[in-house]
Amino acid sequence: MRNSTKSNPRYTLYLDIYKGKRNRQREFLNIYLEPSDTIPVRKEKLELAQNIRAKRMLELTNEEHGFPSRQKLKQNFVEYFKLQMDKKEGNTIVPWKNTYIYLKKYTKGNIPFTNVNKKWLEGFTDYLLQFVGISSTYTYMGKIRCALNEAVRDGIILNSPGKLLRPLKVPEKSKEHLTIEEIQKIANTPFYNDEVKKAFLFSCFTGLRLCDIKKLKWTDIKETSYNGSGIKYAISIQQSKTKVVSNIPLN
């Protein structure tokens, strides 16, 4: 309780919170004891302050034991999603950006974590299906789940509501592969940029993605062994998408 001025004996109530040494903060309750307050009014204000104090103590205890606090649950999920998006690199950021665009439109830029529940996620899924196909919706909702899982690890929410959703059934697509004859035709066909053609053929024979080929350096080529036939080499690279280290022999 603090007096606002010496001339005006009006008191403002606040909580004095200690979180270890040198960690003290005050939370003002916006409750004022006025000189004109009657005894019943002042008593009611003090009881309200005590109730707030008890509730705040419970929240602090929960936070100390790893349970989400009120302040954390009030955080804007859209802003949190953008923070996670900004950590991505290369081509992996593209679906995150697309998800963010639709998320921002759907929420008008703001939704607290307390409102991100199973019902809201189902509504956002239906919203996406109005604009993109089921495969893209599946991908974008995967990014939402990733952000919610990260929020669990950050102690913002206790459990991810994404686990309550039934996954979308995406129809399987048949993948076509180039035959060795088709690859040979590409190799024999003149192209305006020989380096691009070489990179494409290199991708065919190594299985590396475009993003991995673009960042490939000479230092990624390692000597693997030496025998009577000479030195053998291999590409040793951490793939951008899977973060798996691949060792690809070179002829």
C-alpha atoms as a PDB file:
ATOM      1  CA  MET A   1       0.000   0.000   0.000  1.00  0.00           C
ATOM      2  CA  ARG A   2       1.414   3.361  -0.992  1.00  0.00           C
ATOM      3  CA  ASN A   3       0.329   6.933  -0.360  1.00  0.00           C
ATOM      4  CA  SER A   4      -0.020   8.869  -3.605  1.00  0.00           C
ATOM      5  CA  THR A   5       0.736  12.320  -2.156  1.00  0.00           C
ATOM      6  CA  LYS A   6       1.310  13.809   1.276  1.00  0.00           C
ATOM      7  CA  SER A   7      -1.456  16.349   0.786  1.00  0.00           C
ATOM      8  CA  ASN A   8      -3.952  13.762  -0.415  1.00  0.00           C
ATOM      9  CA  PRO A   9      -4.020  10.652   1.824  1.00  0.00           C
ATOM     10  CA  ARG A  10      -5.074   8.360  -1.003  1.00  0.00           C
ATOM     11  CA  TYR A  11      -3.531   4.906  -0.999  1.00  0.00           C
ATOM     12  CA  THR A  12      -2.921   2.591  -3.940  1.00  0.00           C
ATOM     13  CA  LEU A  13      -2.657  -1.144  -3.317  1.00  0.00           C
ATOM     14  CA  TYR A  14      -0.008  -3.329  -4.937  1.00  0.00           C
ATOM     15  CA  LEU A  15       1.590  -6.739  -4.598  1.00  0.00           C
ATOM     16  CA  ASP A  16       5.254  -6.850  -3.582  1.00  0.00           C
ATOM     17  CA  ILE A  17       6.647  -9.996  -5.204  1.00  0.00           C
ATOM     18  CA  TYR A  18      10.054 -11.498  -4.454  1.00  0.00           C
ATOM     19  CA  LYS A  19      11.547 -14.148  -6.746  1.00  0.00           C
ATOM     20  CA  GLY A  20      14.860 -14.827  -5.107  1.00  0.00           C
ATOM     21  CA  LYS A  21      17.612 -12.348  -4.340  1.00  0.00           C
ATOM     22  CA  ARG A  22      17.660  -9.104  -6.325  1.00  0.00           C
ATOM     23  CA  ASN A  23      14.468 -10.062  -8.123  1.00  0.00           C
ATOM     24  CA  ARG A  24      11.680  -7.934  -6.781  1.00  0.00           C
ATOM     25  CA  GLN A  25       8.711  -6.553  -8.657  1.00  0.00           C
ATOM     26  CA  ARG A  26       5.536  -4.687  -7.883  1.00  0.00           C
ATOM     27  CA  GLU A  27       2.175  -5.377  -9.463  1.00  0.00           C
ATOM     28  CA  PHE A  28      -0.287  -2.557  -8.958  1.00  0.00           C
ATOM     29  CA  LEU A  29      -3.889  -3.668  -8.514  1.00  0.00           C
ATOM     30  CA  ASN A  30      -5.603  -0.421  -9.577  1.00  0.00           C
ATOM     31  CA  ILE A  31      -7.421  -0.447  -6.249  1.00  0.00           C
ATOM     32  CA  TYR A  32      -7.380   2.819  -4.301  1.00  0.00           C
ATOM     33  CA  LEU A  33      -8.326   3.607  -0.724  1.00  0.00           C
ATOM     34  CA  GLU A  34      -9.922   7.042  -0.803  1.00  0.00           C
ATOM     35  CA  PRO A  35     -10.330   9.377   2.205  1.00  0.00           C
ATOM     36  CA  SER A  36     -14.055   9.451   1.432  1.00  0.00           C
ATOM     37  CA  ASP A  37     -14.421   5.638   1.623  1.00  0.00           C
ATOM     38  CA  THR A  38     -16.824   4.371   4.237  1.00  0.00           C
ATOM     39  CA  ILE A  39     -15.745   1.518   6.485  1.00  0.00           C
ATOM     40  CA  PRO A  40     -17.777  -1.104   4.519  1.00  0.00           C
ATOM     41  CA  VAL A  41     -16.360   0.172   1.183  1.00  0.00           C
ATOM     42  CA  ARG A  42     -12.795   0.099   2.461  1.00  0.00           C
ATOM     43  CA  LYS A  43     -13.343  -3.394   3.868  1.00  0.00           C
ATOM     44  CA  GLU A  44     -14.683  -4.578   0.516  1.00  0.00           C
ATOM     45  CA  LYS A  45     -11.648  -3.164  -1.312  1.00  0.00           C
ATOM     46  CA  LEU A  46      -9.226  -4.828   1.085  1.00  0.00           C
ATOM     47  CA  GLU A  47     -11.013  -8.157   0.730  1.00  0.00           C
ATOM     48  CA  LEU A  48     -10.789  -7.848  -3.056  1.00  0.00           C
ATOM     49  CA  ALA A  49      -7.061  -7.162  -2.778  1.00  0.00           C
ATOM     50  CA  GLN A  50      -6.607 -10.208  -0.531  1.00  0.00           C
ATOM     51  CA  ASN A  51      -8.462 -12.402  -3.059  1.00  0.00           C
ATOM     52  CA  ILE A  52      -6.227 -11.143  -5.866  1.00  0.00           C
ATOM     53  CA  ARG A  53      -3.182 -11.775  -3.686  1.00  0.00           C
ATOM     54  CA  ALA A  54      -4.251 -15.362  -2.973  1.00  0.00           C
ATOM     55  CA  LYS A  55      -4.917 -16.040  -6.653  1.00  0.00           C
ATOM     56  CA  ARG A  56      -1.579 -14.520  -7.666  1.00  0.00           C
ATOM     57  CA  MET A  57       0.258 -16.625  -5.077  1.00  0.00           C
ATOM     58  CA  LEU A  58      -1.350 -19.753  -6.526  1.00  0.00           C
ATOM     59  CA  GLU A  59      -0.262 -18.732 -10.032  1.00  0.00           C
ATOM     60  CA  LEU A  60       3.310 -18.148  -8.878  1.00  0.00           C
ATOM     61  CA  THR A  61       3.366 -21.540  -7.168  1.00  0.00           C
ATOM     62  CA  ASN A  62       2.085 -23.214 -10.333  1.00  0.00           C
ATOM     63  CA  GLU A  63       4.710 -21.393 -12.387  1.00  0.00           C
ATOM     64  CA  GLU A  64       7.423 -22.510  -9.988  1.00  0.00           C
ATOM     65  CA  HIS A  65       6.389 -26.134 -10.518  1.00  0.00           C
ATOM     66  CA  GLY A  66       6.268 -25.852 -14.299  1.00  0.00           C
ATOM     67  CA  PHE A  67       2.590 -25.023 -14.820  1.00  0.00           C
ATOM     68  CA  PRO A  68       1.701 -22.211 -17.246  1.00  0.00           C
ATOM     69  CA  SER A  69       1.154 -18.758 -15.756  1.00  0.00           C
ATOM     70  CA  ARG A  70      -1.660 -16.371 -16.584  1.00  0.00           C
ATOM     71  CA  GLN A  71       0.728 -13.931 -18.266  1.00  0.00           C
ATOM     72  CA  LYS A  72       2.141 -16.620 -20.543  1.00  0.00           C
ATOM     73  CA  LEU A  73      -1.291 -17.869 -21.574  1.00  0.00           C
ATOM     74  CA  LYS A  74      -2.240 -14.322 -22.584  1.00  0.00           C
ATOM     75  CA  GLN A  75       0.607 -14.206 -25.110  1.00  0.00           C
ATOM     76  CA  ASN A  76      -0.336 -13.737 -28.748  1.00  0.00           C
ATOM     77  CA  PHE A  77      -0.001 -17.067 -30.555  1.00  0.00           C
ATOM     78  CA  VAL A  78       0.381 -15.300 -33.919  1.00  0.00           C
ATOM     79  CA  GLU A  79       3.442 -13.405 -32.683  1.00  0.00           C
ATOM     80  CA  TYR A  80       4.856 -16.580 -31.147  1.00  0.00           C
ATOM     81  CA  PHE A  81       4.333 -18.444 -34.424  1.00  0.00           C
ATOM     82  CA  LYS A  82       6.260 -15.719 -36.270  1.00  0.00           C
ATOM     83  CA  LEU A  83       9.146 -16.050 -33.797  1.00  0.00           C
ATOM     84  CA  GLN A  84       9.340 -19.758 -34.588  1.00  0.00           C
ATOM     85  CA  MET A  85       9.077 -19.028 -38.314  1.00  0.00           C
ATOM     86  CA  ASP A  86      11.989 -16.579 -38.180  1.00  0.00           C
ATOM     87  CA  LYS A  87      14.236 -19.347 -36.861  1.00  0.00           C
ATOM     88  CA  LYS A  88      13.804 -21.379 -40.057  1.00  0.00           C
ATOM     89  CA  GLU A  89      16.262 -21.307 -42.937  1.00  0.00           C
ATOM     90  CA  GLY A  90      16.326 -22.190 -46.603  1.00  0.00           C
ATOM     91  CA  ASN A  91      13.307 -23.735 -48.289  1.00  0.00           C
ATOM     92  CA  THR A  92      11.889 -24.931 -44.956  1.00  0.00           C
ATOM     93  CA  ILE A  93      10.708 -21.383 -44.232  1.00  0.00           C
ATOM     94  CA  VAL A  94       8.345 -21.282 -47.250  1.00  0.00           C
ATOM     95  CA  PRO A  95       5.468 -23.368 -45.759  1.00  0.00           C
ATOM     96  CA  TRP A  96       5.904 -21.494 -42.460  1.00  0.00           C
ATOM     97  CA  LYS A  97       5.452 -18.169 -44.255  1.00  0.00           C
ATOM     98  CA  ASN A  98       2.391 -19.436 -46.104  1.00  0.00           C
ATOM     99  CA  THR A  99       0.882 -20.692 -42.853  1.00  0.00           C
ATOM    100  CA  TYR A 100       1.602 -17.359 -41.182  1.00  0.00           C
ATOM    101  CA  ILE A 101      -0.211 -15.442 -43.945  1.00  0.00           C
ATOM    102  CA  TYR A 102      -3.417 -17.455 -43.470  1.00  0.00           C
ATOM    103  CA  LEU A 103      -3.056 -17.477 -39.677  1.00  0.00           C
ATOM    104  CA  LYS A 104      -2.772 -13.697 -39.580  1.00  0.00           C
ATOM    105  CA  LYS A 105      -5.819 -13.276 -41.829  1.00  0.00           C
ATOM    106  CA  TYR A 106      -7.915 -15.748 -39.849  1.00  0.00           C
ATOM    107  CA  THR A 107      -7.116 -14.210 -36.470  1.00  0.00           C
ATOM    108  CA  LYS A 108      -6.684 -10.607 -37.656  1.00  0.00           C
ATOM    109  CA  GLY A 109      -3.222 -10.809 -36.131  1.00  0.00           C
ATOM    110  CA  ASN A 110      -4.123 -11.696 -32.569  1.00  0.00           C
ATOM    111  CA  ILE A 111      -5.275 -14.726 -30.605  1.00  0.00           C
ATOM    112  CA  PRO A 112      -4.124 -15.620 -27.067  1.00  0.00           C
ATOM    113  CA  PHE A 113      -2.929 -19.123 -26.277  1.00  0.00           C
ATOM    114  CA  THR A 114      -5.979 -19.577 -24.029  1.00  0.00           C
ATOM    115  CA  ASN A 115      -8.204 -19.509 -27.131  1.00  0.00           C
ATOM    116  CA  VAL A 116      -6.130 -21.942 -29.184  1.00  0.00           C
ATOM    117  CA  ASN A 117      -8.035 -25.140 -28.477  1.00  0.00           C
ATOM    118  CA  LYS A 118      -9.354 -28.124 -30.433  1.00  0.00           C
ATOM    119  CA  LYS A 119     -12.423 -26.225 -31.666  1.00  0.00           C
ATOM    120  CA  TRP A 120     -10.321 -23.295 -32.866  1.00  0.00           C
ATOM    121  CA  LEU A 121      -7.884 -25.609 -34.667  1.00  0.00           C
ATOM    122  CA  GLU A 122     -10.771 -27.364 -36.430  1.00  0.00           C
ATOM    123  CA  GLY A 123     -12.122 -23.975 -37.500  1.00  0.00           C
ATOM    124  CA  PHE A 124      -8.742 -22.924 -38.858  1.00  0.00           C
ATOM    125  CA  THR A 125      -8.456 -26.230 -40.734  1.00  0.00           C
ATOM    126  CA  ASP A 126     -11.840 -25.617 -42.421  1.00  0.00           C
ATOM    127  CA  TYR A 127     -10.718 -22.071 -43.230  1.00  0.00           C
ATOM    128  CA  LEU A 128      -7.571 -23.315 -44.972  1.00  0.00           C
ATOM    129  CA  LEU A 129      -9.525 -25.861 -47.013  1.00  0.00           C
ATOM    130  CA  GLN A 130     -11.470 -22.960 -48.563  1.00  0.00           C
ATOM    131  CA  PHE A 131      -8.302 -21.572 -50.138  1.00  0.00           C
ATOM    132  CA  VAL A 132      -5.792 -24.408 -50.556  1.00  0.00           C
ATOM    133  CA  GLY A 133      -5.876 -28.129 -51.246  1.00  0.00           C
ATOM    134  CA  ILE A 134      -5.863 -30.868 -48.660  1.00  0.00           C
ATOM    135  CA  SER A 135      -2.122 -31.517 -49.066  1.00  0.00           C
ATOM    136  CA  SER A 136      -1.237 -27.877 -48.361  1.00  0.00           C
ATOM    137  CA  THR A 137      -3.709 -27.772 -45.469  1.00  0.00           C
ATOM    138  CA  TYR A 138      -2.043 -30.872 -44.016  1.00  0.00           C
ATOM    139  CA  THR A 139       1.361 -29.167 -44.318  1.00  0.00           C
ATOM    140  CA  TYR A 140       0.217 -25.856 -42.821  1.00  0.00           C
ATOM    141  CA  MET A 141      -1.518 -27.514 -39.881  1.00  0.00           C
ATOM    142  CA  GLY A 142       1.715 -29.426 -39.308  1.00  0.00           C
ATOM    143  CA  LYS A 143       3.470 -26.090 -38.792  1.00  0.00           C
ATOM    144  CA  ILE A 144       0.783 -25.027 -36.315  1.00  0.00           C
ATOM    145  CA  ARG A 145       1.379 -28.255 -34.384  1.00  0.00           C
ATOM    146  CA  CYS A 146       5.132 -27.645 -34.415  1.00  0.00           C
ATOM    147  CA  ALA A 147       4.665 -24.181 -32.931  1.00  0.00           C
ATOM    148  CA  LEU A 148       2.326 -25.528 -30.239  1.00  0.00           C
ATOM    149  CA  ASN A 149       4.790 -28.288 -29.348  1.00  0.00           C
ATOM    150  CA  GLU A 150       7.492 -25.658 -28.992  1.00  0.00           C
ATOM    151  CA  ALA A 151       5.177 -23.649 -26.732  1.00  0.00           C
ATOM    152  CA  VAL A 152       4.894 -26.704 -24.473  1.00  0.00           C
ATOM    153  CA  ARG A 153       8.686 -26.888 -24.279  1.00  0.00           C
ATOM    154  CA  ASP A 154       8.813 -23.161 -23.478  1.00  0.00           C
ATOM    155  CA  GLY A 155       6.356 -23.645 -20.607  1.00  0.00           C
ATOM    156  CA  ILE A 156       3.658 -21.452 -22.161  1.00  0.00           C
ATOM    157  CA  ILE A 157       1.045 -24.213 -22.332  1.00  0.00           C
ATOM    158  CA  LEU A 158       0.886 -27.514 -20.499  1.00  0.00           C
ATOM    159  CA  ASN A 159      -0.316 -29.693 -23.394  1.00  0.00           C
ATOM    160  CA  SER A 160      -0.683 -29.130 -27.118  1.00  0.00           C
ATOM    161  CA  PRO A 161      -4.309 -29.091 -28.371  1.00  0.00           C
ATOM    162  CA  GLY A 162      -2.915 -30.213 -31.723  1.00  0.00           C
ATOM    163  CA  LYS A 163      -2.698 -33.741 -30.320  1.00  0.00           C
ATOM    164  CA  LEU A 164      -6.500 -33.796 -30.075  1.00  0.00           C
ATOM    165  CA  LEU A 165      -7.006 -33.260 -33.804  1.00  0.00           C
ATOM    166  CA  ARG A 166      -7.650 -36.112 -36.165  1.00  0.00           C
ATOM    167  CA  PRO A 167      -5.023 -35.956 -38.923  1.00  0.00           C
ATOM    168  CA  LEU A 168      -6.238 -35.178 -42.421  1.00  0.00           C
ATOM    169  CA  LYS A 169      -6.243 -38.067 -44.844  1.00  0.00           C
ATOM    170  CA  VAL A 170      -4.131 -36.981 -47.779  1.00  0.00           C
ATOM    171  CA  PRO A 171      -4.571 -39.091 -50.922  1.00  0.00           C
ATOM    172  CA  GLU A 172      -1.391 -40.834 -51.984  1.00  0.00           C
ATOM    173  CA  LYS A 173       0.274 -39.634 -55.165  1.00  0.00           C
ATOM    174  CA  SER A 174       2.301 -41.842 -57.430  1.00  0.00           C
ATOM    175  CA  LYS A 175       5.858 -40.588 -57.920  1.00  0.00           C
ATOM    176  CA  GLU A 176       7.424 -40.839 -61.339  1.00  0.00           C
ATOM    177  CA  HIS A 177      11.164 -41.338 -61.721  1.00  0.00           C
ATOM    178  CA  LEU A 178      13.431 -40.598 -64.632  1.00  0.00           C
ATOM    179  CA  THR A 179      14.818 -43.636 -66.372  1.00  0.00           C
ATOM    180  CA  ILE A 180      18.515 -43.891 -67.170  1.00  0.00           C
ATOM    181  CA  GLU A 181      17.623 -43.370 -70.843  1.00  0.00           C
ATOM    182  CA  GLU A 182      15.792 -40.137 -70.043  1.00  0.00           C
ATOM    183  CA  ILE A 183      18.709 -38.906 -67.939  1.00  0.00           C
ATOM    184  CA  GLN A 184      21.051 -39.705 -70.827  1.00  0.00           C
ATOM    185  CA  LYS A 185      18.861 -37.646 -73.187  1.00  0.00           C
ATOM    186  CA  ILE A 186      19.040 -34.706 -70.786  1.00  0.00           C
ATOM    187  CA  ALA A 187      22.811 -35.026 -70.626  1.00  0.00           C
ATOM    188  CA  ASN A 188      23.032 -35.009 -74.448  1.00  0.00           C
ATOM    189  CA  THR A 189      20.595 -32.126 -74.962  1.00  0.00           C
ATOM    190  CA  PRO A 190      22.174 -28.649 -75.345  1.00  0.00           C
ATOM    191  CA  PHE A 191      21.058 -26.190 -72.662  1.00  0.00           C
ATOM    192  CA  TYR A 192      21.568 -22.435 -72.392  1.00  0.00           C
ATOM    193  CA  ASN A 193      23.229 -22.817 -68.971  1.00  0.00           C
ATOM    194  CA  ASP A 194      25.589 -25.753 -68.721  1.00  0.00           C
ATOM    195  CA  GLU A 195      26.124 -25.266 -64.969  1.00  0.00           C
ATOM    196  CA  VAL A 196      22.384 -25.630 -64.269  1.00  0.00           C
ATOM    197  CA  LYS A 197      22.274 -28.843 -66.304  1.00  0.00           C
ATOM    198  CA  LYS A 198      25.279 -30.209 -64.446  1.00  0.00           C
ATOM    199  CA  ALA A 199      23.658 -29.372 -61.101  1.00  0.00           C
ATOM    200  CA  PHE A 200      20.437 -31.146 -62.147  1.00  0.00           C
ATOM    201  CA  LEU A 201      22.305 -34.264 -63.255  1.00  0.00           C
ATOM    202  CA  PHE A 202      24.372 -34.148 -60.077  1.00  0.00           C
ATOM    203  CA  SER A 203      21.095 -34.126 -58.113  1.00  0.00           C
ATOM    204  CA  CYS A 204      19.828 -37.123 -60.076  1.00  0.00           C
ATOM    205  CA  PHE A 205      22.848 -39.242 -59.204  1.00  0.00           C
ATOM    206  CA  THR A 206      23.299 -38.123 -55.593  1.00  0.00           C
ATOM    207  CA  GLY A 207      19.683 -37.622 -54.505  1.00  0.00           C
ATOM    208  CA  LEU A 208      20.509 -34.204 -53.020  1.00  0.00           C
ATOM    209  CA  ARG A 209      17.856 -31.501 -52.920  1.00  0.00           C
ATOM    210  CA  LEU A 210      18.353 -28.185 -54.688  1.00  0.00           C
ATOM    211  CA  CYS A 211      18.870 -26.357 -51.377  1.00  0.00           C
ATOM    212  CA  ASP A 212      21.633 -28.808 -50.422  1.00  0.00           C
ATOM    213  CA  ILE A 213      23.361 -28.530 -53.801  1.00  0.00           C
ATOM    214  CA  LYS A 214      23.290 -24.718 -53.621  1.00  0.00           C
ATOM    215  CA  LYS A 215      25.142 -24.721 -50.292  1.00  0.00           C
ATOM    216  CA  LEU A 216      27.585 -27.506 -51.232  1.00  0.00           C
ATOM    217  CA  LYS A 217      31.261 -26.625 -50.717  1.00  0.00           C
ATOM    218  CA  TRP A 218      34.514 -28.285 -51.685  1.00  0.00           C
ATOM    219  CA  THR A 219      35.126 -28.947 -48.002  1.00  0.00           C
ATOM    220  CA  ASP A 220      32.054 -31.238 -48.030  1.00  0.00           C
ATOM    221  CA  ILE A 221      33.969 -33.634 -50.300  1.00  0.00           C
ATOM    222  CA  LYS A 222      35.920 -36.008 -48.057  1.00  0.00           C
ATOM    223  CA  GLU A 223      38.528 -38.657 -48.705  1.00  0.00           C
ATOM    224  CA  THR A 224      37.129 -41.945 -47.501  1.00  0.00           C
ATOM    225  CA  SER A 225      39.885 -44.454 -48.175  1.00  0.00           C
ATOM    226  CA  TYR A 226      43.003 -45.237 -50.151  1.00  0.00           C
ATOM    227  CA  ASN A 227      43.831 -48.518 -51.815  1.00  0.00           C
ATOM    228  CA  GLY A 228      45.651 -49.778 -54.817  1.00  0.00           C
ATOM    229  CA  SER A 229      43.079 -48.258 -57.195  1.00  0.00           C
ATOM    230  CA  GLY A 230      43.450 -44.768 -55.753  1.00  0.00           C
ATOM    231  CA  ILE A 231      41.677 -42.392 -53.404  1.00  0.00           C
ATOM    232  CA  LYS A 232      37.901 -42.662 -52.922  1.00  0.00           C
ATOM    233  CA  TYR A 233      35.708 -39.648 -52.195  1.00  0.00           C
ATOM    234  CA  ALA A 234      32.283 -39.058 -50.692  1.00  0.00           C
ATOM    235  CA  ILE A 235      29.998 -36.116 -49.980  1.00  0.00           C
ATOM    236  CA  SER A 236      29.466 -35.599 -46.254  1.00  0.00           C
ATOM    237  CA  ILE A 237      26.686 -33.076 -45.686  1.00  0.00           C
ATOM    238  CA  GLN A 238      23.902 -32.337 -43.210  1.00  0.00           C
ATOM    239  CA  GLN A 239      20.703 -32.092 -45.209  1.00  0.00           C
ATOM    240  CA  SER A 240      18.785 -28.858 -44.727  1.00  0.00           C
ATOM    241  CA  LYS A 241      15.325 -30.397 -44.452  1.00  0.00           C
ATOM    242  CA  THR A 242      15.919 -33.510 -42.364  1.00  0.00           C
ATOM    243  CA  LYS A 243      19.102 -32.357 -40.515  1.00  0.00           C
ATOM    244  CA  VAL A 244      20.436 -35.875 -41.165  1.00  0.00           C
ATOM    245  CA  VAL A 245      24.127 -36.199 -42.043  1.00  0.00           C
ATOM    246  CA  SER A 246      24.431 -38.075 -45.334  1.00  0.00           C
ATOM    247  CA  ASN A 247      27.562 -39.724 -46.722  1.00  0.00           C
ATOM    248  CA  ILE A 248      27.217 -40.195 -50.468  1.00  0.00           C
ATOM    249  CA  PRO A 249      30.011 -42.066 -52.328  1.00  0.00           C
ATOM    250  CA  LEU A 250      31.267 -40.441 -55.543  1.00  0.00           C
ATOM    251  CA  ASN A 251      32.598 -42.371 -58.530  1.00  0.00           C
END
